[in-house]
Amino acid sequence: MKIYVKMFPIAGINDAAREMELVLSDGSLDELLTSLQEEAGAAPLPLETLMFLNNGQGLDIHENVQFHDGDRLWVLPQISGG
């Protein structure tokens, strides 16, 4: 299955937005994160400082997440407001 990923600029990982297609065999979150780390060249990704949106919905990486063919994932720096 193909997952379309847009990674926004994230300090220490990338200076510009990147778009990529990741091919996953089982669609698990662990597989996605491993593929994403390999593509981004960042090991390990600082998950606690990132925000994930899957098909426009917030994604809790601490839950059992299953991706589907054609999903669109955005990876952004975590946003905090006050």
PDB file of N, CA and C in Angstrom:
ATOM      1  N   MET A   1       0.832  -1.175   0.000  1.00  0.00           N
ATOM      2  CA  MET A   1       0.000   0.000   0.000  1.00  0.00           C
ATOM      3  C   MET A   1       0.875   1.235   0.000  1.00  0.00           C
ATOM      4  N   LYS A   2       0.386   2.302  -0.626  1.00  0.00           N
ATOM      5  CA  LYS A   2       1.119   3.561  -0.669  1.00  0.00           C
ATOM      6  C   LYS A   2       0.503   4.558   0.296  1.00  0.00           C
ATOM      7  N   ILE A   3       1.365   5.213   1.038  1.00  0.00           N
ATOM      8  CA  ILE A   3       0.978   6.301   1.929  1.00  0.00           C
ATOM      9  C   ILE A   3       1.695   7.546   1.421  1.00  0.00           C
ATOM     10  N   TYR A   4       0.958   8.621   1.269  1.00  0.00           N
ATOM     11  CA  TYR A   4       1.537   9.882   0.795  1.00  0.00           C
ATOM     12  C   TYR A   4       1.843  10.745   2.015  1.00  0.00           C
ATOM     13  N   VAL A   5       3.087  11.172   2.123  1.00  0.00           N
ATOM     14  CA  VAL A   5       3.549  11.909   3.300  1.00  0.00           C
ATOM     15  C   VAL A   5       4.064  13.281   2.892  1.00  0.00           C
ATOM     16  N   LYS A   6       3.627  14.286   3.604  1.00  0.00           N
ATOM     17  CA  LYS A   6       4.196  15.623   3.455  1.00  0.00           C
ATOM     18  C   LYS A   6       4.827  15.973   4.796  1.00  0.00           C
ATOM     19  N   MET A   7       6.124  16.202   4.764  1.00  0.00           N
ATOM     20  CA  MET A   7       6.850  16.568   5.979  1.00  0.00           C
ATOM     21  C   MET A   7       7.205  18.042   5.881  1.00  0.00           C
ATOM     22  N   PHE A   8       6.679  18.811   6.799  1.00  0.00           N
ATOM     23  CA  PHE A   8       6.939  20.243   6.831  1.00  0.00           C
ATOM     24  C   PHE A   8       8.323  20.495   7.423  1.00  0.00           C
ATOM     25  N   PRO A   9       8.878  21.706   7.240  1.00  0.00           N
ATOM     26  CA  PRO A   9      10.199  21.992   7.822  1.00  0.00           C
ATOM     27  C   PRO A   9      10.198  21.751   9.337  1.00  0.00           C
ATOM     28  N   ILE A  10      11.160  20.967   9.786  1.00  0.00           N
ATOM     29  CA  ILE A  10      11.288  20.618  11.200  1.00  0.00           C
ATOM     30  C   ILE A  10      12.752  20.800  11.583  1.00  0.00           C
ATOM     31  N   ALA A  11      12.980  21.626  12.570  1.00  0.00           N
ATOM     32  CA  ALA A  11      14.348  21.928  12.995  1.00  0.00           C
ATOM     33  C   ALA A  11      15.114  20.650  13.305  1.00  0.00           C
ATOM     34  N   GLY A  12      16.317  20.552  12.751  1.00  0.00           N
ATOM     35  CA  GLY A  12      17.179  19.412  12.990  1.00  0.00           C
ATOM     36  C   GLY A  12      16.900  18.218  12.097  1.00  0.00           C
ATOM     37  N   ILE A  13      15.822  18.283  11.289  1.00  0.00           N
ATOM     38  CA  ILE A  13      15.493  17.159  10.413  1.00  0.00           C
ATOM     39  C   ILE A  13      15.536  17.587   8.953  1.00  0.00           C
ATOM     40  N   ASN A  14      14.789  18.637   8.610  1.00  0.00           N
ATOM     41  CA  ASN A  14      14.780  19.122   7.230  1.00  0.00           C
ATOM     42  C   ASN A  14      14.516  20.623   7.205  1.00  0.00           C
ATOM     43  N   ASP A  15      15.118  21.296   6.238  1.00  0.00           N
ATOM     44  CA  ASP A  15      15.004  22.751   6.133  1.00  0.00           C
ATOM     45  C   ASP A  15      13.853  23.189   5.246  1.00  0.00           C
ATOM     46  N   ALA A  16      13.322  22.278   4.458  1.00  0.00           N
ATOM     47  CA  ALA A  16      12.236  22.609   3.537  1.00  0.00           C
ATOM     48  C   ALA A  16      11.211  21.483   3.563  1.00  0.00           C
ATOM     49  N   ALA A  17      10.005  21.802   3.144  1.00  0.00           N
ATOM     50  CA  ALA A  17       8.958  20.781   3.079  1.00  0.00           C
ATOM     51  C   ALA A  17       9.359  19.708   2.073  1.00  0.00           C
ATOM     52  N   ARG A  18       8.979  18.481   2.367  1.00  0.00           N
ATOM     53  CA  ARG A  18       9.261  17.338   1.484  1.00  0.00           C
ATOM     54  C   ARG A  18       7.984  16.544   1.306  1.00  0.00           C
ATOM     55  N   GLU A  19       7.813  16.033   0.111  1.00  0.00           N
ATOM     56  CA  GLU A  19       6.706  15.122  -0.146  1.00  0.00           C
ATOM     57  C   GLU A  19       7.288  13.799  -0.596  1.00  0.00           C
ATOM     58  N   MET A  20       6.703  12.709  -0.111  1.00  0.00           N
ATOM     59  CA  MET A  20       7.220  11.396  -0.456  1.00  0.00           C
ATOM     60  C   MET A  20       6.085  10.377  -0.460  1.00  0.00           C
ATOM     61  N   GLU A  21       6.305   9.291  -1.159  1.00  0.00           N
ATOM     62  CA  GLU A  21       5.399   8.153  -1.151  1.00  0.00           C
ATOM     63  C   GLU A  21       6.118   7.030  -0.437  1.00  0.00           C
ATOM     64  N   LEU A  22       5.483   6.478   0.570  1.00  0.00           N
ATOM     65  CA  LEU A  22       6.052   5.344   1.281  1.00  0.00           C
ATOM     66  C   LEU A  22       5.220   4.117   0.964  1.00  0.00           C
ATOM     67  N   VAL A  23       5.885   3.021   0.692  1.00  0.00           N
ATOM     68  CA  VAL A  23       5.190   1.767   0.423  1.00  0.00           C
ATOM     69  C   VAL A  23       5.304   0.908   1.680  1.00  0.00           C
ATOM     70  N   LEU A  24       4.152   0.550   2.229  1.00  0.00           N
ATOM     71  CA  LEU A  24       4.099  -0.242   3.447  1.00  0.00           C
ATOM     72  C   LEU A  24       3.503  -1.607   3.142  1.00  0.00           C
ATOM     73  N   SER A  25       3.989  -2.623   3.838  1.00  0.00           N
ATOM     74  CA  SER A  25       3.436  -3.964   3.615  1.00  0.00           C
ATOM     75  C   SER A  25       2.281  -4.256   4.563  1.00  0.00           C
ATOM     76  N   ASP A  26       2.395  -3.856   5.839  1.00  0.00           N
ATOM     77  CA  ASP A  26       1.322  -4.174   6.781  1.00  0.00           C
ATOM     78  C   ASP A  26       0.518  -2.962   7.248  1.00  0.00           C
ATOM     79  N   GLY A  27       0.978  -1.739   6.947  1.00  0.00           N
ATOM     80  CA  GLY A  27       0.223  -0.542   7.293  1.00  0.00           C
ATOM     81  C   GLY A  27       0.256  -0.166   8.756  1.00  0.00           C
ATOM     82  N   SER A  28       1.195  -0.728   9.508  1.00  0.00           N
ATOM     83  CA  SER A  28       1.265  -0.417  10.940  1.00  0.00           C
ATOM     84  C   SER A  28       2.002   0.897  11.172  1.00  0.00           C
ATOM     85  N   LEU A  29       1.762   1.483  12.327  1.00  0.00           N
ATOM     86  CA  LEU A  29       2.439   2.719  12.701  1.00  0.00           C
ATOM     87  C   LEU A  29       3.941   2.498  12.826  1.00  0.00           C
ATOM     88  N   ASP A  30       4.351   1.376  13.414  1.00  0.00           N
ATOM     89  CA  ASP A  30       5.785   1.098  13.557  1.00  0.00           C
ATOM     90  C   ASP A  30       6.476   1.031  12.199  1.00  0.00           C
ATOM     91  N   GLU A  31       5.843   0.367  11.235  1.00  0.00           N
ATOM     92  CA  GLU A  31       6.412   0.273   9.901  1.00  0.00           C
ATOM     93  C   GLU A  31       6.497   1.654   9.256  1.00  0.00           C
ATOM     94  N   LEU A  32       5.447   2.459   9.431  1.00  0.00           N
ATOM     95  CA  LEU A  32       5.452   3.802   8.865  1.00  0.00           C
ATOM     96  C   LEU A  32       6.570   4.650   9.469  1.00  0.00           C
ATOM     97  N   LEU A  33       6.715   4.620  10.790  1.00  0.00           N
ATOM     98  CA  LEU A  33       7.741   5.427  11.447  1.00  0.00           C
ATOM     99  C   LEU A  33       9.146   4.990  11.029  1.00  0.00           C
ATOM    100  N   THR A  34       9.366   3.699  10.878  1.00  0.00           N
ATOM    101  CA  THR A  34      10.662   3.202  10.420  1.00  0.00           C
ATOM    102  C   THR A  34      10.958   3.698   9.012  1.00  0.00           C
ATOM    103  N   SER A  35       9.975   3.586   8.113  1.00  0.00           N
ATOM    104  CA  SER A  35      10.149   4.058   6.734  1.00  0.00           C
ATOM    105  C   SER A  35      10.374   5.558   6.695  1.00  0.00           C
ATOM    106  N   LEU A  36       9.647   6.278   7.509  1.00  0.00           N
ATOM    107  CA  LEU A  36       9.779   7.730   7.558  1.00  0.00           C
ATOM    108  C   LEU A  36      11.161   8.148   8.056  1.00  0.00           C
ATOM    109  N   GLN A  37      11.671   7.459   9.064  1.00  0.00           N
ATOM    110  CA  GLN A  37      13.014   7.752   9.568  1.00  0.00           C
ATOM    111  C   GLN A  37      14.061   7.500   8.491  1.00  0.00           C
ATOM    112  N   GLU A  38      13.917   6.423   7.754  1.00  0.00           N
ATOM    113  CA  GLU A  38      14.872   6.119   6.690  1.00  0.00           C
ATOM    114  C   GLU A  38      14.834   7.179   5.600  1.00  0.00           C
ATOM    115  N   GLU A  39      13.640   7.597   5.203  1.00  0.00           N
ATOM    116  CA  GLU A  39      13.492   8.610   4.159  1.00  0.00           C
ATOM    117  C   GLU A  39      13.997   9.975   4.618  1.00  0.00           C
ATOM    118  N   ALA A  40      13.710  10.328   5.872  1.00  0.00           N
ATOM    119  CA  ALA A  40      14.096  11.640   6.392  1.00  0.00           C
ATOM    120  C   ALA A  40      15.565  11.692   6.770  1.00  0.00           C
ATOM    121  N   GLY A  41      16.176  10.533   6.950  1.00  0.00           N
ATOM    122  CA  GLY A  41      17.577  10.499   7.347  1.00  0.00           C
ATOM    123  C   GLY A  41      17.778  10.926   8.785  1.00  0.00           C
ATOM    124  N   ALA A  42      16.733  10.809   9.576  1.00  0.00           N
ATOM    125  CA  ALA A  42      16.805  11.198  10.990  1.00  0.00           C
ATOM    126  C   ALA A  42      16.516   9.966  11.832  1.00  0.00           C
ATOM    127  N   ALA A  43      17.452   9.609  12.660  1.00  0.00           N
ATOM    128  CA  ALA A  43      17.221   8.444  13.517  1.00  0.00           C
ATOM    129  C   ALA A  43      17.666   8.781  14.921  1.00  0.00           C
ATOM    130  N   PRO A  44      16.827   8.686  15.872  1.00  0.00           N
ATOM    131  CA  PRO A  44      15.380   8.513  15.770  1.00  0.00           C
ATOM    132  C   PRO A  44      14.675   9.857  15.590  1.00  0.00           C
ATOM    133  N   LEU A  45      13.479   9.827  15.049  1.00  0.00           N
ATOM    134  CA  LEU A  45      12.682  11.052  14.928  1.00  0.00           C
ATOM    135  C   LEU A  45      12.263  11.492  16.327  1.00  0.00           C
ATOM    136  N   PRO A  46      12.305  12.779  16.606  1.00  0.00           N
ATOM    137  CA  PRO A  46      11.900  13.270  17.926  1.00  0.00           C
ATOM    138  C   PRO A  46      10.373  13.304  18.036  1.00  0.00           C
ATOM    139  N   LEU A  47       9.764  12.151  18.237  1.00  0.00           N
ATOM    140  CA  LEU A  47       8.310  12.018  18.183  1.00  0.00           C
ATOM    141  C   LEU A  47       7.579  12.957  19.134  1.00  0.00           C
ATOM    142  N   GLU A  48       8.179  13.229  20.280  1.00  0.00           N
ATOM    143  CA  GLU A  48       7.513  14.092  21.266  1.00  0.00           C
ATOM    144  C   GLU A  48       7.411  15.542  20.800  1.00  0.00           C
ATOM    145  N   THR A  49       8.152  15.911  19.758  1.00  0.00           N
ATOM    146  CA  THR A  49       8.103  17.289  19.249  1.00  0.00           C
ATOM    147  C   THR A  49       7.384  17.384  17.907  1.00  0.00           C
ATOM    148  N   LEU A  50       6.739  16.283  17.498  1.00  0.00           N
ATOM    149  CA  LEU A  50       6.069  16.256  16.197  1.00  0.00           C
ATOM    150  C   LEU A  50       4.564  16.108  16.359  1.00  0.00           C
ATOM    151  N   MET A  51       3.845  16.578  15.338  1.00  0.00           N
ATOM    152  CA  MET A  51       2.405  16.433  15.276  1.00  0.00           C
ATOM    153  C   MET A  51       2.084  15.724  13.966  1.00  0.00           C
ATOM    154  N   PHE A  52       1.162  14.767  13.998  1.00  0.00           N
ATOM    155  CA  PHE A  52       0.800  13.984  12.830  1.00  0.00           C
ATOM    156  C   PHE A  52      -0.675  14.186  12.511  1.00  0.00           C
ATOM    157  N   LEU A  53      -0.971  14.442  11.249  1.00  0.00           N
ATOM    158  CA  LEU A  53      -2.345  14.515  10.769  1.00  0.00           C
ATOM    159  C   LEU A  53      -2.507  13.451   9.690  1.00  0.00           C
ATOM    160  N   ASN A  54      -3.488  12.590   9.846  1.00  0.00           N
ATOM    161  CA  ASN A  54      -3.755  11.554   8.854  1.00  0.00           C
ATOM    162  C   ASN A  54      -5.107  11.852   8.217  1.00  0.00           C
ATOM    163  N   ASN A  55      -5.090  12.137   6.920  1.00  0.00           N
ATOM    164  CA  ASN A  55      -6.308  12.510   6.195  1.00  0.00           C
ATOM    165  C   ASN A  55      -7.023  13.673   6.881  1.00  0.00           C
ATOM    166  N   GLY A  56      -6.230  14.625   7.390  1.00  0.00           N
ATOM    167  CA  GLY A  56      -6.773  15.832   8.004  1.00  0.00           C
ATOM    168  C   GLY A  56      -7.166  15.704   9.460  1.00  0.00           C
ATOM    169  N   GLN A  57      -7.024  14.520  10.049  1.00  0.00           N
ATOM    170  CA  GLN A  57      -7.399  14.291  11.444  1.00  0.00           C
ATOM    171  C   GLN A  57      -6.150  14.085  12.294  1.00  0.00           C
ATOM    172  N   GLY A  58      -6.159  14.625  13.506  1.00  0.00           N
ATOM    173  CA  GLY A  58      -5.040  14.426  14.421  1.00  0.00           C
ATOM    174  C   GLY A  58      -4.820  12.944  14.676  1.00  0.00           C
ATOM    175  N   LEU A  59      -3.570  12.556  14.793  1.00  0.00           N
ATOM    176  CA  LEU A  59      -3.207  11.155  14.970  1.00  0.00           C
ATOM    177  C   LEU A  59      -2.454  11.001  16.283  1.00  0.00           C
ATOM    178  N   ASP A  60      -2.938  10.119  17.136  1.00  0.00           N
ATOM    179  CA  ASP A  60      -2.263   9.820  18.399  1.00  0.00           C
ATOM    180  C   ASP A  60      -1.345   8.626  18.159  1.00  0.00           C
ATOM    181  N   ILE A  61      -0.051   8.878  18.172  1.00  0.00           N
ATOM    182  CA  ILE A  61       0.915   7.808  17.868  1.00  0.00           C
ATOM    183  C   ILE A  61       1.024   6.783  18.998  1.00  0.00           C
ATOM    184  N   HIS A  62       0.325   7.022  20.106  1.00  0.00           N
ATOM    185  CA  HIS A  62       0.348   6.068  21.212  1.00  0.00           C
ATOM    186  C   HIS A  62      -0.804   5.070  21.121  1.00  0.00           C
ATOM    187  N   GLU A  63      -1.651   5.242  20.102  1.00  0.00           N
ATOM    188  CA  GLU A  63      -2.756   4.314  19.883  1.00  0.00           C
ATOM    189  C   GLU A  63      -2.367   3.291  18.826  1.00  0.00           C
ATOM    190  N   ASN A  64      -3.153   2.239  18.711  1.00  0.00           N
ATOM    191  CA  ASN A  64      -2.926   1.233  17.677  1.00  0.00           C
ATOM    192  C   ASN A  64      -3.486   1.779  16.366  1.00  0.00           C
ATOM    193  N   VAL A  65      -2.613   2.331  15.523  1.00  0.00           N
ATOM    194  CA  VAL A  65      -3.020   2.970  14.280  1.00  0.00           C
ATOM    195  C   VAL A  65      -2.762   2.027  13.112  1.00  0.00           C
ATOM    196  N   GLN A  66      -3.713   1.974  12.194  1.00  0.00           N
ATOM    197  CA  GLN A  66      -3.558   1.173  10.983  1.00  0.00           C
ATOM    198  C   GLN A  66      -3.781   2.101   9.791  1.00  0.00           C
ATOM    199  N   PHE A  67      -2.808   2.156   8.884  1.00  0.00           N
ATOM    200  CA  PHE A  67      -2.924   2.987   7.690  1.00  0.00           C
ATOM    201  C   PHE A  67      -3.524   2.187   6.553  1.00  0.00           C
ATOM    202  N   HIS A  68      -4.119   2.909   5.604  1.00  0.00           N
ATOM    203  CA  HIS A  68      -4.772   2.288   4.458  1.00  0.00           C
ATOM    204  C   HIS A  68      -4.198   2.876   3.177  1.00  0.00           C
ATOM    205  N   ASP A  69      -4.320   2.141   2.093  1.00  0.00           N
ATOM    206  CA  ASP A  69      -3.823   2.577   0.802  1.00  0.00           C
ATOM    207  C   ASP A  69      -4.400   3.950   0.451  1.00  0.00           C
ATOM    208  N   GLY A  70      -3.516   4.865   0.100  1.00  0.00           N
ATOM    209  CA  GLY A  70      -3.937   6.201  -0.306  1.00  0.00           C
ATOM    210  C   GLY A  70      -4.036   7.211   0.819  1.00  0.00           C
ATOM    211  N   ASP A  71      -3.785   6.806   2.069  1.00  0.00           N
ATOM    212  CA  ASP A  71      -3.818   7.763   3.176  1.00  0.00           C
ATOM    213  C   ASP A  71      -2.821   8.886   2.932  1.00  0.00           C
ATOM    214  N   ARG A  72      -3.156  10.056   3.441  1.00  0.00           N
ATOM    215  CA  ARG A  72      -2.289  11.224   3.335  1.00  0.00           C
ATOM    216  C   ARG A  72      -1.911  11.665   4.747  1.00  0.00           C
ATOM    217  N   LEU A  73      -0.615  11.610   5.009  1.00  0.00           N
ATOM    218  CA  LEU A  73      -0.092  11.926   6.331  1.00  0.00           C
ATOM    219  C   LEU A  73       0.723  13.207   6.258  1.00  0.00           C
ATOM    220  N   TRP A  74       0.455  14.120   7.169  1.00  0.00           N
ATOM    221  CA  TRP A  74       1.278  15.324   7.311  1.00  0.00           C
ATOM    222  C   TRP A  74       2.061  15.196   8.606  1.00  0.00           C
ATOM    223  N   VAL A  75       3.333  15.538   8.538  1.00  0.00           N
ATOM    224  CA  VAL A  75       4.208  15.542   9.714  1.00  0.00           C
ATOM    225  C   VAL A  75       4.654  16.983   9.920  1.00  0.00           C
ATOM    226  N   LEU A  76       4.318  17.550  11.081  1.00  0.00           N
ATOM    227  CA  LEU A  76       4.584  18.948  11.366  1.00  0.00           C
ATOM    228  C   LEU A  76       5.282  19.096  12.715  1.00  0.00           C
ATOM    229  N   PRO A  77       5.961  20.210  12.916  1.00  0.00           N
ATOM    230  CA  PRO A  77       6.465  20.463  14.266  1.00  0.00           C
ATOM    231  C   PRO A  77       5.264  20.699  15.180  1.00  0.00           C
ATOM    232  N   GLN A  78       5.361  20.261  16.397  1.00  0.00           N
ATOM    233  CA  GLN A  78       4.263  20.413  17.346  1.00  0.00           C
ATOM    234  C   GLN A  78       3.963  21.895  17.576  1.00  0.00           C
ATOM    235  N   ILE A  79       2.707  22.219  17.587  1.00  0.00           N
ATOM    236  CA  ILE A  79       2.279  23.602  17.764  1.00  0.00           C
ATOM    237  C   ILE A  79       1.733  23.760  19.167  1.00  0.00           C
ATOM    238  N   SER A  80       2.217  24.773  19.867  1.00  0.00           N
ATOM    239  CA  SER A  80       1.669  25.043  21.203  1.00  0.00           C
ATOM    240  C   SER A  80       1.197  26.492  21.227  1.00  0.00           C
ATOM    241  N   GLY A  81       0.141  26.705  21.901  1.00  0.00           N
ATOM    242  CA  GLY A  81      -0.420  28.054  21.974  1.00  0.00           C
ATOM    243  C   GLY A  81      -0.580  28.480  23.423  1.00  0.00           C
ATOM    244  N   GLY A  82      -0.837  29.728  23.576  1.00  0.00           N
ATOM    245  CA  GLY A  82      -1.003  30.179  24.944  1.00  0.00           C
ATOM    246  C   GLY A  82      -1.870  31.375  25.035  1.00  0.00           C
TER     247      GLY A  82
END
